[in-house]
Amino acid sequence: MATPITSIRKHERTEEEQTQQKLEDLQKLLADNEEALNKILGIVSELHNTGALEAASSMLQAKEEIVGIALHQVSREPVTNLINHFLGATGALANIEPEMTTKLASGVAAGMEEANKHIDNNKQIGMLDLLKILKDPDINRAVGFGVHFLKGMGKGLKEEE
């Protein structure tokens, strides 16, 4: 009769066996992804041929200097002014209804098209012509829009003070 098992010994791989297993896993991975690896190597080769790989390597080595230069450039007054203008314009646009912006943009486009038709016309417009033109509903609508726009803008400027 056999003796009963009283302990279980776990087989621990030696460092050489672990290295061998890793190499086998890597070989299998390379074989399974041959096409992708060939593409990657082709890209790296092109980057090397154009000098981009060397430039990227140099940039990585000089990263502290590059960050210092970038921070210095960003902190200059013209750049901070640009950022502040961008944030202000973004805030103003956020307060405007998108439908109104679309309507205004299409109106500007139509106005530019109409103006281009008459750009070469050398005829001068007199005061009486302006009064007659105001009876045109389209012109009256645009002038009314402009007048009320200026009124609202004036109110906004007064509130800012």
N, C-alpha and C. Protein backbone atom coordinates (compact mmCIF):
# COMPACT_ATOMS: atom_id res chain seq x y z
N MET A 1 0.82 -1.16 0.00
CA MET A 1 0.00 0.00 0.00
C MET A 1 0.87 1.25 0.00
N ALA A 2 0.40 2.27 -0.72
CA ALA A 2 1.18 3.49 -0.86
C ALA A 2 1.02 4.36 0.38
N THR A 3 2.00 5.18 0.59
CA THR A 3 1.94 6.10 1.73
C THR A 3 1.11 7.33 1.36
N PRO A 4 0.34 7.85 2.27
CA PRO A 4 -0.49 9.02 1.96
C PRO A 4 0.36 10.27 1.74
N ILE A 5 -0.19 11.18 0.90
CA ILE A 5 0.50 12.46 0.63
C ILE A 5 0.24 13.38 1.81
N THR A 6 1.29 13.86 2.38
CA THR A 6 1.13 14.73 3.55
C THR A 6 1.49 16.18 3.24
N SER A 7 2.19 16.41 2.16
CA SER A 7 2.52 17.80 1.81
C SER A 7 2.55 17.94 0.29
N ILE A 8 2.21 19.15 -0.14
CA ILE A 8 2.23 19.45 -1.57
C ILE A 8 3.35 20.44 -1.81
N ARG A 9 4.21 20.06 -2.70
CA ARG A 9 5.32 20.95 -3.02
C ARG A 9 5.03 21.67 -4.32
N LYS A 10 5.10 22.97 -4.27
CA LYS A 10 4.89 23.78 -5.46
C LYS A 10 6.20 23.86 -6.22
N HIS A 11 6.10 23.59 -7.53
CA HIS A 11 7.30 23.64 -8.37
C HIS A 11 7.60 25.10 -8.70
N GLU A 12 8.68 25.58 -8.23
CA GLU A 12 9.06 26.96 -8.52
C GLU A 12 10.08 26.93 -9.65
N ARG A 13 9.79 27.76 -10.64
CA ARG A 13 10.69 27.82 -11.79
C ARG A 13 11.96 28.58 -11.44
N THR A 14 13.01 28.13 -12.04
CA THR A 14 14.27 28.83 -11.86
C THR A 14 14.24 30.08 -12.73
N GLU A 15 15.18 30.95 -12.50
CA GLU A 15 15.26 32.19 -13.27
C GLU A 15 15.47 31.88 -14.75
N GLU A 16 16.23 30.85 -15.04
CA GLU A 16 16.48 30.45 -16.42
C GLU A 16 15.20 29.95 -17.08
N GLU A 17 14.39 29.18 -16.35
CA GLU A 17 13.12 28.70 -16.89
C GLU A 17 12.14 29.85 -17.12
N GLN A 18 12.13 30.83 -16.21
CA GLN A 18 11.27 31.99 -16.39
C GLN A 18 11.68 32.79 -17.63
N THR A 19 12.97 32.95 -17.82
CA THR A 19 13.47 33.66 -18.99
C THR A 19 13.10 32.92 -20.26
N GLN A 20 13.24 31.61 -20.24
CA GLN A 20 12.90 30.79 -21.40
C GLN A 20 11.40 30.91 -21.72
N GLN A 21 10.54 30.92 -20.70
CA GLN A 21 9.10 31.05 -20.91
C GLN A 21 8.77 32.42 -21.50
N LYS A 22 9.41 33.46 -21.01
CA LYS A 22 9.19 34.81 -21.54
C LYS A 22 9.60 34.89 -23.00
N LEU A 23 10.72 34.26 -23.35
CA LEU A 23 11.17 34.26 -24.74
C LEU A 23 10.18 33.51 -25.64
N GLU A 24 9.64 32.42 -25.15
CA GLU A 24 8.65 31.67 -25.94
C GLU A 24 7.37 32.49 -26.13
N ASP A 25 6.95 33.17 -25.06
CA ASP A 25 5.76 34.03 -25.16
C ASP A 25 5.99 35.16 -26.16
N LEU A 26 7.18 35.75 -26.11
CA LEU A 26 7.51 36.84 -27.03
C LEU A 26 7.57 36.34 -28.47
N GLN A 27 8.12 35.16 -28.69
CA GLN A 27 8.16 34.57 -30.04
C GLN A 27 6.75 34.37 -30.58
N LYS A 28 5.85 33.86 -29.74
CA LYS A 28 4.47 33.63 -30.16
C LYS A 28 3.80 34.96 -30.49
N LEU A 29 4.02 35.97 -29.66
CA LEU A 29 3.44 37.30 -29.89
C LEU A 29 3.95 37.89 -31.20
N LEU A 30 5.24 37.75 -31.46
CA LEU A 30 5.82 38.25 -32.72
C LEU A 30 5.22 37.53 -33.92
N ALA A 31 5.06 36.23 -33.81
CA ALA A 31 4.51 35.45 -34.92
C ALA A 31 3.05 35.81 -35.16
N ASP A 32 2.29 36.05 -34.10
CA ASP A 32 0.87 36.37 -34.24
C ASP A 32 0.64 37.77 -34.79
N ASN A 33 1.58 38.69 -34.59
CA ASN A 33 1.40 40.09 -34.98
C ASN A 33 2.44 40.54 -36.00
N GLU A 34 2.82 39.67 -36.89
CA GLU A 34 3.88 39.98 -37.85
C GLU A 34 3.54 41.19 -38.72
N GLU A 35 2.32 41.25 -39.24
CA GLU A 35 1.93 42.34 -40.14
C GLU A 35 1.98 43.69 -39.41
N ALA A 36 1.46 43.73 -38.20
CA ALA A 36 1.45 44.98 -37.43
C ALA A 36 2.88 45.42 -37.11
N LEU A 37 3.72 44.46 -36.75
CA LEU A 37 5.12 44.79 -36.44
C LEU A 37 5.85 45.32 -37.67
N ASN A 38 5.57 44.73 -38.83
CA ASN A 38 6.20 45.22 -40.05
C ASN A 38 5.79 46.66 -40.35
N LYS A 39 4.51 46.98 -40.11
CA LYS A 39 4.06 48.36 -40.31
C LYS A 39 4.73 49.31 -39.35
N ILE A 40 4.83 48.90 -38.08
CA ILE A 40 5.48 49.75 -37.08
C ILE A 40 6.94 49.99 -37.46
N LEU A 41 7.62 48.94 -37.87
CA LEU A 41 9.03 49.09 -38.27
C LEU A 41 9.16 49.98 -39.50
N GLY A 42 8.20 49.89 -40.41
CA GLY A 42 8.21 50.76 -41.60
C GLY A 42 8.03 52.22 -41.21
N ILE A 43 7.14 52.48 -40.26
CA ILE A 43 6.92 53.85 -39.80
C ILE A 43 8.18 54.38 -39.12
N VAL A 44 8.76 53.58 -38.26
CA VAL A 44 9.99 53.99 -37.56
C VAL A 44 11.11 54.24 -38.57
N SER A 45 11.19 53.42 -39.60
CA SER A 45 12.21 53.60 -40.63
C SER A 45 12.01 54.92 -41.37
N GLU A 46 10.77 55.25 -41.71
CA GLU A 46 10.47 56.52 -42.38
C GLU A 46 10.81 57.69 -41.48
N LEU A 47 10.46 57.58 -40.21
CA LEU A 47 10.79 58.65 -39.27
C LEU A 47 12.30 58.85 -39.16
N HIS A 48 13.03 57.74 -39.18
CA HIS A 48 14.49 57.82 -39.13
C HIS A 48 15.04 58.46 -40.41
N ASN A 49 14.52 58.05 -41.56
CA ASN A 49 15.02 58.58 -42.84
C ASN A 49 14.76 60.08 -42.98
N THR A 50 13.64 60.56 -42.47
CA THR A 50 13.33 61.98 -42.59
C THR A 50 13.97 62.82 -41.50
N GLY A 51 14.56 62.20 -40.51
CA GLY A 51 15.20 62.93 -39.42
C GLY A 51 14.25 63.25 -38.28
N ALA A 52 13.00 62.86 -38.41
CA ALA A 52 12.02 63.16 -37.37
C ALA A 52 12.31 62.37 -36.10
N LEU A 53 12.82 61.17 -36.24
CA LEU A 53 13.13 60.35 -35.08
C LEU A 53 14.26 60.99 -34.26
N GLU A 54 15.26 61.49 -34.95
CA GLU A 54 16.37 62.16 -34.26
C GLU A 54 15.89 63.45 -33.60
N ALA A 55 15.00 64.19 -34.29
CA ALA A 55 14.45 65.42 -33.72
C ALA A 55 13.65 65.12 -32.46
N ALA A 56 12.82 64.06 -32.51
CA ALA A 56 12.02 63.68 -31.35
C ALA A 56 12.92 63.26 -30.19
N SER A 57 13.97 62.54 -30.51
CA SER A 57 14.91 62.10 -29.47
C SER A 57 15.59 63.31 -28.83
N SER A 58 15.99 64.27 -29.66
CA SER A 58 16.64 65.48 -29.13
C SER A 58 15.66 66.28 -28.28
N MET A 59 14.41 66.33 -28.70
CA MET A 59 13.40 67.06 -27.93
C MET A 59 13.18 66.40 -26.56
N LEU A 60 13.18 65.09 -26.54
CA LEU A 60 13.01 64.39 -25.26
C LEU A 60 14.19 64.64 -24.33
N GLN A 61 15.38 64.72 -24.89
CA GLN A 61 16.56 64.97 -24.07
C GLN A 61 16.58 66.40 -23.54
N ALA A 62 15.99 67.33 -24.29
CA ALA A 62 15.99 68.74 -23.89
C ALA A 62 14.63 69.17 -23.36
N LYS A 63 13.86 68.25 -22.80
CA LYS A 63 12.48 68.55 -22.42
C LYS A 63 12.37 69.67 -21.39
N GLU A 64 13.28 69.75 -20.41
CA GLU A 64 13.19 70.81 -19.41
C GLU A 64 13.39 72.18 -20.06
N GLU A 65 14.34 72.29 -20.96
CA GLU A 65 14.59 73.57 -21.64
C GLU A 65 13.40 73.96 -22.51
N ILE A 66 12.81 72.99 -23.20
CA ILE A 66 11.67 73.27 -24.08
C ILE A 66 10.47 73.73 -23.24
N VAL A 67 10.23 73.07 -22.11
CA VAL A 67 9.11 73.46 -21.24
C VAL A 67 9.35 74.87 -20.72
N GLY A 68 10.58 75.20 -20.36
CA GLY A 68 10.90 76.54 -19.87
C GLY A 68 10.64 77.60 -20.93
N ILE A 69 11.03 77.32 -22.17
CA ILE A 69 10.80 78.26 -23.27
C ILE A 69 9.31 78.42 -23.52
N ALA A 70 8.59 77.30 -23.55
CA ALA A 70 7.14 77.35 -23.80
C ALA A 70 6.43 78.14 -22.71
N LEU A 71 6.79 77.92 -21.46
CA LEU A 71 6.16 78.66 -20.36
C LEU A 71 6.48 80.15 -20.45
N HIS A 72 7.70 80.47 -20.83
CA HIS A 72 8.07 81.88 -20.99
C HIS A 72 7.25 82.53 -22.10
N GLN A 73 7.08 81.83 -23.22
CA GLN A 73 6.33 82.37 -24.34
C GLN A 73 4.85 82.55 -23.99
N VAL A 74 4.29 81.58 -23.28
CA VAL A 74 2.87 81.64 -22.92
C VAL A 74 2.60 82.75 -21.92
N SER A 75 3.57 83.05 -21.07
CA SER A 75 3.34 84.06 -20.04
C SER A 75 3.59 85.49 -20.53
N ARG A 76 3.96 85.66 -21.79
CA ARG A 76 4.15 87.02 -22.34
C ARG A 76 2.80 87.72 -22.44
N GLU A 77 2.82 89.05 -22.33
CA GLU A 77 1.58 89.83 -22.32
C GLU A 77 0.73 89.64 -23.57
N PRO A 78 1.29 89.64 -24.80
CA PRO A 78 0.42 89.44 -25.96
C PRO A 78 -0.32 88.10 -25.93
N VAL A 79 0.33 87.07 -25.44
CA VAL A 79 -0.31 85.76 -25.39
C VAL A 79 -1.39 85.73 -24.33
N THR A 80 -1.11 86.32 -23.16
CA THR A 80 -2.14 86.35 -22.12
C THR A 80 -3.32 87.21 -22.57
N ASN A 81 -3.04 88.30 -23.29
CA ASN A 81 -4.14 89.11 -23.83
C ASN A 81 -4.98 88.30 -24.80
N LEU A 82 -4.33 87.54 -25.67
CA LEU A 82 -5.05 86.70 -26.62
C LEU A 82 -5.93 85.68 -25.90
N ILE A 83 -5.39 85.06 -24.87
CA ILE A 83 -6.17 84.09 -24.10
C ILE A 83 -7.36 84.77 -23.44
N ASN A 84 -7.15 85.95 -22.87
CA ASN A 84 -8.25 86.68 -22.23
C ASN A 84 -9.31 87.09 -23.24
N HIS A 85 -8.88 87.53 -24.44
CA HIS A 85 -9.84 87.87 -25.49
C HIS A 85 -10.65 86.65 -25.90
N PHE A 86 -9.96 85.53 -26.06
CA PHE A 86 -10.63 84.29 -26.45
C PHE A 86 -11.67 83.89 -25.40
N LEU A 87 -11.30 83.97 -24.13
CA LEU A 87 -12.24 83.60 -23.06
C LEU A 87 -13.42 84.57 -23.02
N GLY A 88 -13.14 85.86 -23.21
CA GLY A 88 -14.22 86.84 -23.22
C GLY A 88 -15.17 86.63 -24.39
N ALA A 89 -14.61 86.37 -25.58
CA ALA A 89 -15.44 86.13 -26.76
C ALA A 89 -16.25 84.84 -26.60
N THR A 90 -15.64 83.84 -26.02
CA THR A 90 -16.35 82.58 -25.79
C THR A 90 -17.51 82.78 -24.82
N GLY A 91 -17.28 83.57 -23.78
CA GLY A 91 -18.34 83.86 -22.82
C GLY A 91 -19.48 84.64 -23.47
N ALA A 92 -19.12 85.61 -24.33
CA ALA A 92 -20.15 86.39 -25.01
C ALA A 92 -20.95 85.51 -25.97
N LEU A 93 -20.27 84.65 -26.71
CA LEU A 93 -20.97 83.75 -27.64
C LEU A 93 -21.86 82.76 -26.90
N ALA A 94 -21.46 82.39 -25.71
CA ALA A 94 -22.26 81.43 -24.93
C ALA A 94 -23.60 82.06 -24.52
N ASN A 95 -23.64 83.39 -24.41
CA ASN A 95 -24.87 84.07 -24.02
C ASN A 95 -25.82 84.31 -25.18
N ILE A 96 -25.37 84.10 -26.41
CA ILE A 96 -26.20 84.34 -27.58
C ILE A 96 -26.84 83.03 -28.01
N GLU A 97 -28.11 83.12 -28.39
CA GLU A 97 -28.81 81.93 -28.86
C GLU A 97 -28.21 81.47 -30.19
N PRO A 98 -27.95 80.17 -30.35
CA PRO A 98 -27.35 79.67 -31.59
C PRO A 98 -28.21 79.96 -32.82
N GLU A 99 -29.53 79.92 -32.66
CA GLU A 99 -30.41 80.19 -33.80
C GLU A 99 -30.23 81.61 -34.30
N MET A 100 -30.04 82.55 -33.36
CA MET A 100 -29.85 83.96 -33.73
C MET A 100 -28.52 84.13 -34.46
N THR A 101 -27.50 83.44 -33.98
CA THR A 101 -26.19 83.52 -34.64
C THR A 101 -26.28 82.99 -36.06
N THR A 102 -26.98 81.88 -36.24
CA THR A 102 -27.15 81.30 -37.57
C THR A 102 -27.92 82.24 -38.48
N LYS A 103 -28.98 82.83 -37.95
CA LYS A 103 -29.80 83.76 -38.72
C LYS A 103 -28.99 84.99 -39.12
N LEU A 104 -28.21 85.52 -38.18
CA LEU A 104 -27.38 86.69 -38.45
C LEU A 104 -26.30 86.36 -39.49
N ALA A 105 -25.68 85.21 -39.37
CA ALA A 105 -24.64 84.82 -40.33
C ALA A 105 -25.21 84.66 -41.73
N SER A 106 -26.38 84.06 -41.85
CA SER A 106 -26.98 83.91 -43.18
C SER A 106 -27.40 85.27 -43.72
N GLY A 107 -27.85 86.18 -42.84
CA GLY A 107 -28.18 87.54 -43.26
C GLY A 107 -26.95 88.29 -43.76
N VAL A 108 -25.84 88.13 -43.08
CA VAL A 108 -24.60 88.78 -43.51
C VAL A 108 -24.17 88.22 -44.87
N ALA A 109 -24.27 86.91 -45.04
CA ALA A 109 -23.90 86.30 -46.32
C ALA A 109 -24.78 86.81 -47.45
N ALA A 110 -26.08 86.90 -47.20
CA ALA A 110 -27.00 87.41 -48.23
C ALA A 110 -26.70 88.88 -48.52
N GLY A 111 -26.39 89.64 -47.47
CA GLY A 111 -26.05 91.05 -47.67
C GLY A 111 -24.78 91.22 -48.48
N MET A 112 -23.78 90.39 -48.22
CA MET A 112 -22.52 90.45 -48.99
C MET A 112 -22.78 90.11 -50.46
N GLU A 113 -23.63 89.14 -50.69
CA GLU A 113 -23.96 88.75 -52.06
C GLU A 113 -24.66 89.90 -52.79
N GLU A 114 -25.60 90.54 -52.14
CA GLU A 114 -26.33 91.66 -52.74
C GLU A 114 -25.40 92.85 -52.96
N ALA A 115 -24.51 93.10 -52.01
CA ALA A 115 -23.57 94.22 -52.14
C ALA A 115 -22.60 93.98 -53.29
N ASN A 116 -22.18 92.74 -53.48
CA ASN A 116 -21.26 92.43 -54.58
C ASN A 116 -21.89 92.66 -55.95
N LYS A 117 -23.21 92.51 -56.03
CA LYS A 117 -23.89 92.75 -57.30
C LYS A 117 -23.79 94.22 -57.70
N HIS A 118 -23.78 95.12 -56.72
CA HIS A 118 -23.81 96.55 -57.00
C HIS A 118 -22.50 97.26 -56.69
N ILE A 119 -21.43 96.51 -56.52
CA ILE A 119 -20.16 97.11 -56.11
C ILE A 119 -19.56 98.01 -57.21
N ASP A 120 -19.78 97.67 -58.45
CA ASP A 120 -19.21 98.45 -59.55
C ASP A 120 -20.10 99.61 -59.97
N ASN A 121 -21.27 99.76 -59.35
CA ASN A 121 -22.19 100.83 -59.67
C ASN A 121 -21.63 102.14 -59.11
N ASN A 122 -21.39 103.12 -59.97
CA ASN A 122 -20.81 104.39 -59.54
C ASN A 122 -21.86 105.43 -59.18
N LYS A 123 -23.13 105.08 -59.23
CA LYS A 123 -24.20 106.01 -58.94
C LYS A 123 -24.18 106.39 -57.46
N GLN A 124 -24.23 107.71 -57.21
CA GLN A 124 -24.24 108.18 -55.83
C GLN A 124 -25.66 108.15 -55.29
N ILE A 125 -25.76 107.90 -53.98
CA ILE A 125 -27.07 107.85 -53.33
C ILE A 125 -27.26 109.17 -52.58
N GLY A 126 -28.34 109.86 -52.86
CA GLY A 126 -28.63 111.12 -52.20
C GLY A 126 -29.54 110.92 -51.00
N MET A 127 -29.84 112.02 -50.31
CA MET A 127 -30.69 111.96 -49.13
C MET A 127 -32.10 111.49 -49.47
N LEU A 128 -32.64 111.98 -50.58
CA LEU A 128 -33.98 111.56 -50.97
C LEU A 128 -34.00 110.08 -51.34
N ASP A 129 -32.91 109.61 -51.97
CA ASP A 129 -32.82 108.18 -52.30
C ASP A 129 -32.84 107.34 -51.02
N LEU A 130 -32.17 107.81 -49.98
CA LEU A 130 -32.15 107.08 -48.71
C LEU A 130 -33.55 107.01 -48.11
N LEU A 131 -34.29 108.12 -48.19
CA LEU A 131 -35.64 108.11 -47.65
C LEU A 131 -36.54 107.16 -48.42
N LYS A 132 -36.37 107.12 -49.74
CA LYS A 132 -37.16 106.20 -50.56
C LYS A 132 -36.80 104.75 -50.25
N ILE A 133 -35.50 104.51 -50.08
CA ILE A 133 -35.02 103.14 -49.83
C ILE A 133 -35.56 102.60 -48.51
N LEU A 134 -35.77 103.48 -47.52
CA LEU A 134 -36.27 103.03 -46.22
C LEU A 134 -37.66 102.41 -46.32
N LYS A 135 -38.39 102.69 -47.40
CA LYS A 135 -39.72 102.10 -47.57
C LYS A 135 -39.63 100.62 -47.99
N ASP A 136 -38.46 100.20 -48.47
CA ASP A 136 -38.26 98.78 -48.82
C ASP A 136 -38.27 97.98 -47.52
N PRO A 137 -39.14 96.96 -47.40
CA PRO A 137 -39.24 96.20 -46.13
C PRO A 137 -37.93 95.53 -45.71
N ASP A 138 -37.15 95.04 -46.67
CA ASP A 138 -35.89 94.38 -46.31
C ASP A 138 -34.90 95.39 -45.74
N ILE A 139 -34.79 96.54 -46.36
CA ILE A 139 -33.86 97.57 -45.88
C ILE A 139 -34.35 98.10 -44.54
N ASN A 140 -35.64 98.32 -44.42
CA ASN A 140 -36.19 98.82 -43.17
C ASN A 140 -35.92 97.83 -42.03
N ARG A 141 -36.05 96.54 -42.32
CA ARG A 141 -35.79 95.50 -41.32
C ARG A 141 -34.32 95.54 -40.89
N ALA A 142 -33.41 95.68 -41.85
CA ALA A 142 -31.98 95.71 -41.54
C ALA A 142 -31.61 96.97 -40.77
N VAL A 143 -32.17 98.12 -41.18
CA VAL A 143 -31.87 99.37 -40.47
C VAL A 143 -32.44 99.31 -39.06
N GLY A 144 -33.66 98.79 -38.92
CA GLY A 144 -34.25 98.64 -37.59
C GLY A 144 -33.41 97.72 -36.71
N PHE A 145 -32.95 96.64 -37.28
CA PHE A 145 -32.09 95.72 -36.54
C PHE A 145 -30.83 96.44 -36.08
N GLY A 146 -30.21 97.19 -37.00
CA GLY A 146 -28.98 97.91 -36.67
C GLY A 146 -29.20 98.95 -35.58
N VAL A 147 -30.30 99.69 -35.67
CA VAL A 147 -30.59 100.72 -34.68
C VAL A 147 -30.81 100.09 -33.30
N HIS A 148 -31.59 99.02 -33.26
CA HIS A 148 -31.84 98.38 -31.98
C HIS A 148 -30.60 97.66 -31.44
N PHE A 149 -29.78 97.16 -32.34
CA PHE A 149 -28.51 96.57 -31.94
C PHE A 149 -27.65 97.63 -31.27
N LEU A 150 -27.55 98.81 -31.89
CA LEU A 150 -26.75 99.89 -31.32
C LEU A 150 -27.32 100.35 -29.98
N LYS A 151 -28.64 100.37 -29.84
CA LYS A 151 -29.26 100.75 -28.58
C LYS A 151 -28.88 99.74 -27.49
N GLY A 152 -29.00 98.47 -27.79
CA GLY A 152 -28.63 97.43 -26.82
C GLY A 152 -27.16 97.48 -26.47
N MET A 153 -26.34 97.73 -27.47
CA MET A 153 -24.90 97.83 -27.23
C MET A 153 -24.60 99.02 -26.32
N GLY A 154 -25.29 100.13 -26.54
CA GLY A 154 -25.11 101.30 -25.68
C GLY A 154 -25.51 101.01 -24.25
N LYS A 155 -26.62 100.29 -24.07
CA LYS A 155 -27.03 99.91 -22.72
C LYS A 155 -25.97 99.02 -22.06
N GLY A 156 -25.46 98.08 -22.85
CA GLY A 156 -24.43 97.19 -22.31
C GLY A 156 -23.18 97.95 -21.93
N LEU A 157 -22.80 98.93 -22.72
CA LEU A 157 -21.61 99.73 -22.40
C LEU A 157 -21.85 100.57 -21.15
N LYS A 158 -23.06 101.06 -20.98
CA LYS A 158 -23.38 101.86 -19.80
C LYS A 158 -23.31 101.00 -18.55
N GLU A 159 -23.79 99.77 -18.61
CA GLU A 159 -23.77 98.87 -17.47
C GLU A 159 -22.36 98.50 -17.08
N GLU A 160 -21.43 98.48 -18.05
CA GLU A 160 -20.04 98.10 -17.78
C GLU A 160 -19.35 99.17 -16.93
N GLU A 161 -19.75 100.41 -17.06
CA GLU A 161 -19.08 101.51 -16.35
C GLU A 161 -19.31 101.48 -14.92
